[in-house]
Amino acid sequence: MLSLVHIRTLKMSDEVLAVKYSPNEKFLAVSLLDSTVKVFYQDSLKYFLSLYGHKVSECLASVVTLHLSSPSASSSCYGHIR
């Protein structure tokens, strides 16, 4: 059984569409309505980077961790998975 406890709140500049942990659980990716994905360190919630250039808002079907520890997000809300 999974249970959640609200400990901290992360304020965002736009409406949040989806939230996902990276496979190594080091990053937290947040997909916003303005078609960006903001990435935060999961332990401190400090800002890491933004992923721009998406033509439609992302739903974060997958978060891939590259060998350089830089996350990338793929898949749109319309189900097109890269």
Protein backbone atom coordinates (compact mmCIF):
# COMPACT_ATOMS: atom_id res chain seq x y z
CA MET A 1 0.00 0.00 0.00
CA LEU A 2 1.33 3.38 -1.01
CA SER A 3 0.75 6.42 1.15
CA LEU A 4 1.75 10.05 0.68
CA VAL A 5 2.47 12.75 3.22
CA HIS A 6 2.51 16.42 2.18
CA ILE A 7 5.72 17.97 3.51
CA ARG A 8 6.65 20.80 1.11
CA THR A 9 4.95 22.87 -1.58
CA LEU A 10 6.74 23.98 -4.73
CA LYS A 11 5.16 27.11 -6.24
CA MET A 12 5.10 27.17 -10.03
CA SER A 13 4.67 30.06 -12.48
CA ASP A 14 2.07 28.24 -14.60
CA GLU A 15 -0.44 25.41 -14.31
CA VAL A 16 1.15 21.99 -13.72
CA LEU A 17 0.14 19.20 -16.11
CA ALA A 18 2.28 16.34 -14.80
CA VAL A 19 5.06 15.51 -12.34
CA LYS A 20 7.50 12.63 -12.67
CA TYR A 21 10.66 11.37 -10.96
CA SER A 22 13.68 10.46 -13.06
CA PRO A 23 14.58 6.74 -13.07
CA ASN A 24 17.49 7.36 -10.67
CA GLU A 25 15.18 9.44 -8.41
CA LYS A 26 17.65 12.35 -8.47
CA PHE A 27 15.40 14.76 -10.41
CA LEU A 28 11.78 15.82 -10.33
CA ALA A 29 10.41 16.94 -13.72
CA VAL A 30 7.38 19.21 -13.80
CA SER A 31 5.47 19.74 -17.05
CA LEU A 32 3.81 23.16 -17.31
CA LEU A 33 0.99 24.52 -19.44
CA ASP A 34 3.43 26.97 -21.13
CA SER A 35 5.02 23.96 -22.94
CA THR A 36 8.13 23.83 -20.78
CA VAL A 37 9.44 21.15 -18.47
CA LYS A 38 11.17 22.43 -15.35
CA VAL A 39 13.59 20.06 -13.63
CA PHE A 40 14.40 20.23 -9.92
CA TYR A 41 16.67 18.26 -7.62
CA GLN A 42 14.29 15.98 -5.74
CA ASP A 43 16.03 16.22 -2.37
CA SER A 44 16.11 20.03 -2.07
CA LEU A 45 13.59 21.07 -4.79
CA LYS A 46 16.22 23.52 -6.07
CA TYR A 47 15.86 24.49 -9.72
CA PHE A 48 18.15 22.58 -12.11
CA LEU A 49 17.10 23.42 -15.68
CA SER A 50 14.22 24.06 -18.08
CA LEU A 51 13.51 22.07 -21.23
CA TYR A 52 12.12 24.33 -23.95
CA GLY A 53 11.04 23.87 -27.55
CA HIS A 54 8.01 21.62 -27.17
CA LYS A 55 5.27 22.40 -29.66
CA VAL A 56 2.56 21.08 -27.32
CA SER A 57 2.42 20.74 -23.56
CA GLU A 58 4.23 17.69 -22.24
CA CYS A 59 2.58 15.01 -20.12
CA LEU A 60 5.90 13.37 -19.14
CA ALA A 61 5.26 9.80 -20.24
CA SER A 62 8.96 9.16 -19.74
CA VAL A 63 11.94 10.86 -18.18
CA VAL A 64 15.28 9.59 -19.41
CA THR A 65 18.50 10.07 -17.46
CA LEU A 66 21.52 10.39 -19.72
CA HIS A 67 25.05 9.35 -18.80
CA LEU A 68 25.87 12.98 -17.96
CA SER A 69 23.08 13.07 -15.36
CA SER A 70 21.12 15.48 -17.55
CA PRO A 71 17.47 14.58 -17.75
CA SER A 72 15.38 14.78 -20.88
CA ALA A 73 11.63 14.38 -21.16
CA SER A 74 9.67 12.99 -24.05
CA SER A 75 6.11 12.25 -25.09
CA SER A 76 3.33 14.70 -25.62
CA CYS A 77 -0.16 14.71 -24.17
CA TYR A 78 -1.37 13.28 -27.45
CA GLY A 79 0.39 9.95 -26.94
CA HIS A 80 3.25 10.33 -29.41
CA ILE A 81 6.15 8.69 -27.59
CA ARG A 82 9.69 9.20 -28.86
